[in-house]
């Protein structure tokens, strides 16, 4: 988990340098950090639940309700 966090920190630091070099707005910097933090949280969540969830189970949970609705099953 530390390696993932350090990777995102390195990417954020690189992006910060780029934005400072090309005088990007504070809104752009805020957007970049927001996206970086959200992606970090998502990657950490996937890492923590990798043994409990599989792609097949996730697809089943996502599309089961839609399938029931489309085929009018009860």
PDB file of N, CA and C in Angstrom:
ATOM      1  N   UNK A   1       0.815  -1.186   0.000  1.00  0.00           N
ATOM      2  CA  UNK A   1       0.000   0.000   0.000  1.00  0.00           C
ATOM      3  C   UNK A   1       0.865   1.259   0.000  1.00  0.00           C
ATOM      4  N   UNK A   2       1.985   1.182   0.682  1.00  0.00           N
ATOM      5  CA  UNK A   2       2.880   2.342   0.709  1.00  0.00           C
ATOM      6  C   UNK A   2       3.448   2.623  -0.680  1.00  0.00           C
ATOM      7  N   UNK A   3       3.729   1.570  -1.428  1.00  0.00           N
ATOM      8  CA  UNK A   3       4.273   1.755  -2.776  1.00  0.00           C
ATOM      9  C   UNK A   3       3.249   2.454  -3.662  1.00  0.00           C
ATOM     10  N   UNK A   4       1.980   2.074  -3.521  1.00  0.00           N
ATOM     11  CA  UNK A   4       0.923   2.718  -4.300  1.00  0.00           C
ATOM     12  C   UNK A   4       0.837   4.195  -3.933  1.00  0.00           C
ATOM     13  N   UNK A   5       0.827   4.494  -2.639  1.00  0.00           N
ATOM     14  CA  UNK A   5       0.731   5.886  -2.184  1.00  0.00           C
ATOM     15  C   UNK A   5       1.944   6.696  -2.643  1.00  0.00           C
ATOM     16  N   UNK A   6       3.130   6.111  -2.553  1.00  0.00           N
ATOM     17  CA  UNK A   6       4.332   6.820  -2.998  1.00  0.00           C
ATOM     18  C   UNK A   6       4.311   7.057  -4.507  1.00  0.00           C
ATOM     19  N   UNK A   7       3.775   6.106  -5.256  1.00  0.00           N
ATOM     20  CA  UNK A   7       3.655   6.281  -6.708  1.00  0.00           C
ATOM     21  C   UNK A   7       2.742   7.451  -7.039  1.00  0.00           C
ATOM     22  N   UNK A   8       1.600   7.516  -6.357  1.00  0.00           N
ATOM     23  CA  UNK A   8       0.681   8.622  -6.601  1.00  0.00           C
ATOM     24  C   UNK A   8       1.283   9.948  -6.148  1.00  0.00           C
ATOM     25  N   UNK A   9       2.034   9.936  -5.069  1.00  0.00           N
ATOM     26  CA  UNK A   9       2.704  11.150  -4.611  1.00  0.00           C
ATOM     27  C   UNK A   9       3.721  11.623  -5.648  1.00  0.00           C
ATOM     28  N   UNK A  10       4.462  10.695  -6.235  1.00  0.00           N
ATOM     29  CA  UNK A  10       5.433  11.050  -7.270  1.00  0.00           C
ATOM     30  C   UNK A  10       4.737  11.618  -8.504  1.00  0.00           C
ATOM     31  N   UNK A  11       3.629  11.010  -8.899  1.00  0.00           N
ATOM     32  CA  UNK A  11       2.875  11.517 -10.048  1.00  0.00           C
ATOM     33  C   UNK A  11       2.341  12.916  -9.750  1.00  0.00           C
ATOM     34  N   UNK A  12       1.798  13.106  -8.545  1.00  0.00           N
ATOM     35  CA  UNK A  12       1.286  14.421  -8.159  1.00  0.00           C
ATOM     36  C   UNK A  12       2.377  15.473  -8.129  1.00  0.00           C
ATOM     37  N   UNK A  13       3.551  15.098  -7.624  1.00  0.00           N
ATOM     38  CA  UNK A  13       4.676  16.032  -7.581  1.00  0.00           C
ATOM     39  C   UNK A  13       5.101  16.424  -8.994  1.00  0.00           C
ATOM     40  N   UNK A  14       5.147  15.447  -9.905  1.00  0.00           N
ATOM     41  CA  UNK A  14       5.503  15.714 -11.295  1.00  0.00           C
ATOM     42  C   UNK A  14       4.474  16.650 -11.939  1.00  0.00           C
ATOM     43  N   UNK A  15       3.197  16.375 -11.707  1.00  0.00           N
ATOM     44  CA  UNK A  15       2.135  17.224 -12.255  1.00  0.00           C
ATOM     45  C   UNK A  15       2.208  18.636 -11.680  1.00  0.00           C
ATOM     46  N   UNK A  16       2.503  18.742 -10.389  1.00  0.00           N
ATOM     47  CA  UNK A  16       2.622  20.054  -9.744  1.00  0.00           C
ATOM     48  C   UNK A  16       3.739  20.869 -10.387  1.00  0.00           C
ATOM     49  N   UNK A  17       4.875  20.222 -10.640  1.00  0.00           N
ATOM     50  CA  UNK A  17       5.994  20.911 -11.301  1.00  0.00           C
ATOM     51  C   UNK A  17       5.593  21.389 -12.693  1.00  0.00           C
ATOM     52  N   UNK A  18       4.888  20.516 -13.428  1.00  0.00           N
ATOM     53  CA  UNK A  18       4.439  20.880 -14.780  1.00  0.00           C
ATOM     54  C   UNK A  18       3.509  22.092 -14.728  1.00  0.00           C
ATOM     55  N   UNK A  19       2.551  22.049 -13.791  1.00  0.00           N
ATOM     56  CA  UNK A  19       1.583  23.143 -13.701  1.00  0.00           C
ATOM     57  C   UNK A  19       2.238  24.453 -13.258  1.00  0.00           C
ATOM     58  N   UNK A  20       3.215  24.363 -12.391  1.00  0.00           N
ATOM     59  CA  UNK A  20       3.921  25.566 -11.955  1.00  0.00           C
ATOM     60  C   UNK A  20       4.756  26.133 -13.103  1.00  0.00           C
ATOM     61  N   UNK A  21       5.385  25.257 -13.876  1.00  0.00           N
ATOM     62  CA  UNK A  21       6.231  25.687 -14.989  1.00  0.00           C
ATOM     63  C   UNK A  21       5.420  26.418 -16.061  1.00  0.00           C
ATOM     64  N   UNK A  22       4.206  25.931 -16.336  1.00  0.00           N
ATOM     65  CA  UNK A  22       3.384  26.519 -17.389  1.00  0.00           C
ATOM     66  C   UNK A  22       2.275  27.422 -16.850  1.00  0.00           C
ATOM     67  N   UNK A  23       2.392  27.856 -15.602  1.00  0.00           N
ATOM     68  CA  UNK A  23       1.479  28.831 -14.983  1.00  0.00           C
ATOM     69  C   UNK A  23       0.004  28.450 -15.133  1.00  0.00           C
ATOM     70  N   UNK A  24      -0.332  27.253 -14.741  1.00  0.00           N
ATOM     71  CA  UNK A  24      -1.728  26.814 -14.775  1.00  0.00           C
ATOM     72  C   UNK A  24      -2.507  27.467 -13.643  1.00  0.00           C
ATOM     73  N   UNK A  25      -3.804  27.558 -13.812  1.00  0.00           N
ATOM     74  CA  UNK A  25      -4.649  28.225 -12.812  1.00  0.00           C
ATOM     75  C   UNK A  25      -4.782  27.368 -11.555  1.00  0.00           C
ATOM     76  N   UNK A  26      -5.225  28.024 -10.492  1.00  0.00           N
ATOM     77  CA  UNK A  26      -5.418  27.286  -9.238  1.00  0.00           C
ATOM     78  C   UNK A  26      -6.555  26.283  -9.381  1.00  0.00           C
ATOM     79  N   UNK A  27      -7.524  26.586 -10.238  1.00  0.00           N
ATOM     80  CA  UNK A  27      -8.619  25.642 -10.487  1.00  0.00           C
ATOM     81  C   UNK A  27      -8.087  24.354 -11.124  1.00  0.00           C
ATOM     82  N   UNK A  28      -7.171  24.493 -12.066  1.00  0.00           N
ATOM     83  CA  UNK A  28      -6.580  23.324 -12.713  1.00  0.00           C
ATOM     84  C   UNK A  28      -5.774  22.502 -11.706  1.00  0.00           C
ATOM     85  N   UNK A  29      -5.052  23.179 -10.825  1.00  0.00           N
ATOM     86  CA  UNK A  29      -4.286  22.463  -9.799  1.00  0.00           C
ATOM     87  C   UNK A  29      -5.203  21.726  -8.841  1.00  0.00           C
ATOM     88  N   UNK A  30      -6.284  22.399  -8.428  1.00  0.00           N
ATOM     89  CA  UNK A  30      -7.264  21.759  -7.541  1.00  0.00           C
ATOM     90  C   UNK A  30      -7.883  20.539  -8.201  1.00  0.00           C
ATOM     91  N   UNK A  31      -8.222  20.666  -9.481  1.00  0.00           N
ATOM     92  CA  UNK A  31      -8.800  19.551 -10.228  1.00  0.00           C
ATOM     93  C   UNK A  31      -7.814  18.390 -10.321  1.00  0.00           C
ATOM     94  N   UNK A  32      -6.553  18.693 -10.586  1.00  0.00           N
ATOM     95  CA  UNK A  32      -5.529  17.653 -10.681  1.00  0.00           C
ATOM     96  C   UNK A  32      -5.378  16.918  -9.359  1.00  0.00           C
ATOM     97  N   UNK A  33      -5.303  17.647  -8.238  1.00  0.00           N
ATOM     98  CA  UNK A  33      -5.147  16.994  -6.934  1.00  0.00           C
ATOM     99  C   UNK A  33      -6.397  16.211  -6.551  1.00  0.00           C
ATOM    100  N   UNK A  34      -7.576  16.723  -6.903  1.00  0.00           N
ATOM    101  CA  UNK A  34      -8.815  16.005  -6.611  1.00  0.00           C
ATOM    102  C   UNK A  34      -8.858  14.678  -7.352  1.00  0.00           C
ATOM    103  N   UNK A  35      -8.539  14.705  -8.637  1.00  0.00           N
ATOM    104  CA  UNK A  35      -8.533  13.478  -9.430  1.00  0.00           C
ATOM    105  C   UNK A  35      -7.474  12.517  -8.914  1.00  0.00           C
ATOM    106  N   UNK A  36      -6.301  13.024  -8.565  1.00  0.00           N
ATOM    107  CA  UNK A  36      -5.236  12.169  -8.043  1.00  0.00           C
ATOM    108  C   UNK A  36      -5.660  11.484  -6.751  1.00  0.00           C
ATOM    109  N   UNK A  37      -6.275  12.220  -5.842  1.00  0.00           N
ATOM    110  CA  UNK A  37      -6.711  11.639  -4.564  1.00  0.00           C
ATOM    111  C   UNK A  37      -7.827  10.621  -4.785  1.00  0.00           C
ATOM    112  N   UNK A  38      -8.792  10.938  -5.658  1.00  0.00           N
ATOM    113  CA  UNK A  38      -9.872   9.988  -5.937  1.00  0.00           C
ATOM    114  C   UNK A  38      -9.336   8.692  -6.549  1.00  0.00           C
ATOM    115  N   UNK A  39      -8.416   8.816  -7.485  1.00  0.00           N
ATOM    116  CA  UNK A  39      -7.823   7.619  -8.086  1.00  0.00           C
ATOM    117  C   UNK A  39      -7.019   6.823  -7.067  1.00  0.00           C
ATOM    118  N   UNK A  40      -6.319   7.517  -6.171  1.00  0.00           N
ATOM    119  CA  UNK A  40      -5.579   6.833  -5.112  1.00  0.00           C
ATOM    120  C   UNK A  40      -6.526   6.031  -4.230  1.00  0.00           C
ATOM    121  N   UNK A  41      -7.638   6.639  -3.835  1.00  0.00           N
ATOM    122  CA  UNK A  41      -8.613   5.939  -2.998  1.00  0.00           C
ATOM    123  C   UNK A  41      -9.180   4.726  -3.730  1.00  0.00           C
ATOM    124  N   UNK A  42      -9.484   4.887  -5.023  1.00  0.00           N
ATOM    125  CA  UNK A  42     -10.033   3.765  -5.787  1.00  0.00           C
ATOM    126  C   UNK A  42      -9.019   2.628  -5.915  1.00  0.00           C
ATOM    127  N   UNK A  43      -7.775   2.945  -6.206  1.00  0.00           N
ATOM    128  CA  UNK A  43      -6.750   1.908  -6.346  1.00  0.00           C
ATOM    129  C   UNK A  43      -6.514   1.207  -5.012  1.00  0.00           C
ATOM    130  N   UNK A  44      -6.487   1.958  -3.921  1.00  0.00           N
ATOM    131  CA  UNK A  44      -6.312   1.351  -2.595  1.00  0.00           C
ATOM    132  C   UNK A  44      -7.494   0.447  -2.255  1.00  0.00           C
ATOM    133  N   UNK A  45      -8.718   0.868  -2.599  1.00  0.00           N
ATOM    134  CA  UNK A  45      -9.896   0.033  -2.337  1.00  0.00           C
ATOM    135  C   UNK A  45      -9.833  -1.264  -3.131  1.00  0.00           C
ATOM    136  N   UNK A  46      -9.424  -1.180  -4.378  1.00  0.00           N
ATOM    137  CA  UNK A  46      -9.273  -2.390  -5.193  1.00  0.00           C
ATOM    138  C   UNK A  46      -8.192  -3.285  -4.604  1.00  0.00           C
ATOM    139  N   UNK A  47      -7.095  -2.688  -4.165  1.00  0.00           N
ATOM    140  CA  UNK A  47      -6.004  -3.463  -3.577  1.00  0.00           C
ATOM    141  C   UNK A  47      -6.457  -4.181  -2.306  1.00  0.00           C
ATOM    142  N   UNK A  48      -7.233  -3.493  -1.471  1.00  0.00           N
ATOM    143  CA  UNK A  48      -7.667  -4.088  -0.204  1.00  0.00           C
ATOM    144  C   UNK A  48      -8.711  -5.183  -0.389  1.00  0.00           C
ATOM    145  N   UNK A  49      -9.513  -5.108  -1.439  1.00  0.00           N
ATOM    146  CA  UNK A  49     -10.585  -6.086  -1.643  1.00  0.00           C
ATOM    147  C   UNK A  49     -10.280  -7.066  -2.769  1.00  0.00           C
ATOM    148  N   UNK A  50      -9.037  -7.192  -3.162  1.00  0.00           N
ATOM    149  CA  UNK A  50      -8.713  -8.037  -4.313  1.00  0.00           C
ATOM    150  C   UNK A  50      -9.002  -9.510  -4.076  1.00  0.00           C
ATOM    151  N   UNK A  51      -8.914 -10.008  -2.847  1.00  0.00           N
ATOM    152  CA  UNK A  51      -9.204 -11.417  -2.598  1.00  0.00           C
ATOM    153  C   UNK A  51     -10.699 -11.671  -2.455  1.00  0.00           C
ATOM    154  N   UNK A  52     -11.440 -10.656  -2.038  1.00  0.00           N
ATOM    155  CA  UNK A  52     -12.863 -10.834  -1.783  1.00  0.00           C
ATOM    156  C   UNK A  52     -13.707 -10.644  -3.035  1.00  0.00           C
ATOM    157  N   UNK A  53     -13.279  -9.791  -3.920  1.00  0.00           N
ATOM    158  CA  UNK A  53     -14.067  -9.494  -5.112  1.00  0.00           C
ATOM    159  C   UNK A  53     -13.334  -9.968  -6.354  1.00  0.00           C
ATOM    160  N   UNK A  54     -14.093 -10.505  -7.281  1.00  0.00           N
ATOM    161  CA  UNK A  54     -13.539 -10.816  -8.588  1.00  0.00           C
ATOM    162  C   UNK A  54     -14.339 -10.039  -9.620  1.00  0.00           C
ATOM    163  N   UNK A  55     -13.852 -10.006 -10.822  1.00  0.00           N
ATOM    164  CA  UNK A  55     -14.544  -9.267 -11.873  1.00  0.00           C
ATOM    165  C   UNK A  55     -15.911  -9.881 -12.135  1.00  0.00           C
ATOM    166  N   UNK A  56     -15.994 -11.212 -12.128  1.00  0.00           N
ATOM    167  CA  UNK A  56     -17.271 -11.884 -12.384  1.00  0.00           C
ATOM    168  C   UNK A  56     -18.307 -11.527 -11.323  1.00  0.00           C
ATOM    169  N   UNK A  57     -17.904 -11.509 -10.064  1.00  0.00           N
ATOM    170  CA  UNK A  57     -18.833 -11.164  -8.987  1.00  0.00           C
ATOM    171  C   UNK A  57     -19.271  -9.709  -9.123  1.00  0.00           C
ATOM    172  N   UNK A  58     -18.337  -8.833  -9.448  1.00  0.00           N
ATOM    173  CA  UNK A  58     -18.667  -7.424  -9.580  1.00  0.00           C
ATOM    174  C   UNK A  58     -19.647  -7.196 -10.734  1.00  0.00           C
ATOM    175  N   UNK A  59     -19.407  -7.835 -11.868  1.00  0.00           N
ATOM    176  CA  UNK A  59     -20.306  -7.693 -13.014  1.00  0.00           C
ATOM    177  C   UNK A  59     -21.683  -8.233 -12.670  1.00  0.00           C
ATOM    178  N   UNK A  60     -21.723  -9.350 -11.959  1.00  0.00           N
ATOM    179  CA  UNK A  60     -23.005  -9.925 -11.557  1.00  0.00           C
ATOM    180  C   UNK A  60     -23.779  -8.949 -10.679  1.00  0.00           C
ATOM    181  N   UNK A  61     -23.127  -8.338  -9.703  1.00  0.00           N
ATOM    182  CA  UNK A  61     -23.797  -7.386  -8.816  1.00  0.00           C
ATOM    183  C   UNK A  61     -24.279  -6.155  -9.570  1.00  0.00           C
ATOM    184  N   UNK A  62     -23.502  -5.702 -10.521  1.00  0.00           N
ATOM    185  CA  UNK A  62     -23.854  -4.482 -11.242  1.00  0.00           C
ATOM    186  C   UNK A  62     -25.021  -4.717 -12.193  1.00  0.00           C
ATOM    187  N   UNK A  63     -24.996  -5.837 -12.924  1.00  0.00           N
ATOM    188  CA  UNK A  63     -25.972  -6.036 -13.988  1.00  0.00           C
ATOM    189  C   UNK A  63     -27.149  -6.928 -13.616  1.00  0.00           C
ATOM    190  N   UNK A  64     -27.143  -7.539 -12.438  1.00  0.00           N
ATOM    191  CA  UNK A  64     -28.238  -8.432 -12.061  1.00  0.00           C
ATOM    192  C   UNK A  64     -29.561  -7.675 -11.966  1.00  0.00           C
ATOM    193  N   UNK A  65     -29.558  -6.528 -11.315  1.00  0.00           N
ATOM    194  CA  UNK A  65     -30.775  -5.729 -11.194  1.00  0.00           C
ATOM    195  C   UNK A  65     -31.279  -5.242 -12.539  1.00  0.00           C
ATOM    196  N   UNK A  66     -30.371  -4.841 -13.407  1.00  0.00           N
ATOM    197  CA  UNK A  66     -30.744  -4.387 -14.743  1.00  0.00           C
ATOM    198  C   UNK A  66     -31.360  -5.525 -15.545  1.00  0.00           C
ATOM    199  N   UNK A  67     -30.789  -6.712 -15.429  1.00  0.00           N
ATOM    200  CA  UNK A  67     -31.322  -7.868 -16.137  1.00  0.00           C
ATOM    201  C   UNK A  67     -32.726  -8.200 -15.638  1.00  0.00           C
ATOM    202  N   UNK A  68     -32.924  -8.151 -14.330  1.00  0.00           N
ATOM    203  CA  UNK A  68     -34.256  -8.404 -13.779  1.00  0.00           C
ATOM    204  C   UNK A  68     -35.257  -7.379 -14.297  1.00  0.00           C
ATOM    205  N   UNK A  69     -34.846  -6.135 -14.359  1.00  0.00           N
ATOM    206  CA  UNK A  69     -35.729  -5.073 -14.826  1.00  0.00           C
ATOM    207  C   UNK A  69     -36.077  -5.251 -16.301  1.00  0.00           C
ATOM    208  N   UNK A  70     -35.095  -5.586 -17.124  1.00  0.00           N
ATOM    209  CA  UNK A  70     -35.334  -5.733 -18.560  1.00  0.00           C
ATOM    210  C   UNK A  70     -36.236  -6.917 -18.886  1.00  0.00           C
ATOM    211  N   UNK A  71     -36.059  -8.018 -18.185  1.00  0.00           N
ATOM    212  CA  UNK A  71     -36.844  -9.215 -18.473  1.00  0.00           C
ATOM    213  C   UNK A  71     -38.065  -9.339 -17.573  1.00  0.00           C
ATOM    214  N   UNK A  72     -38.331  -8.294 -16.778  1.00  0.00           N
ATOM    215  CA  UNK A  72     -39.507  -8.222 -15.913  1.00  0.00           C
ATOM    216  C   UNK A  72     -39.642  -9.444 -15.018  1.00  0.00           C
ATOM    217  N   UNK A  73     -38.521  -9.873 -14.458  1.00  0.00           N
ATOM    218  CA  UNK A  73     -38.533 -11.001 -13.535  1.00  0.00           C
ATOM    219  C   UNK A  73     -38.817 -10.482 -12.134  1.00  0.00           C
ATOM    220  N   UNK A  74     -39.403 -11.346 -11.309  1.00  0.00           N
ATOM    221  CA  UNK A  74     -39.673 -10.941  -9.929  1.00  0.00           C
ATOM    222  C   UNK A  74     -38.824 -11.701  -8.961  1.00  0.00           C
TER     223      UNK A  74
END
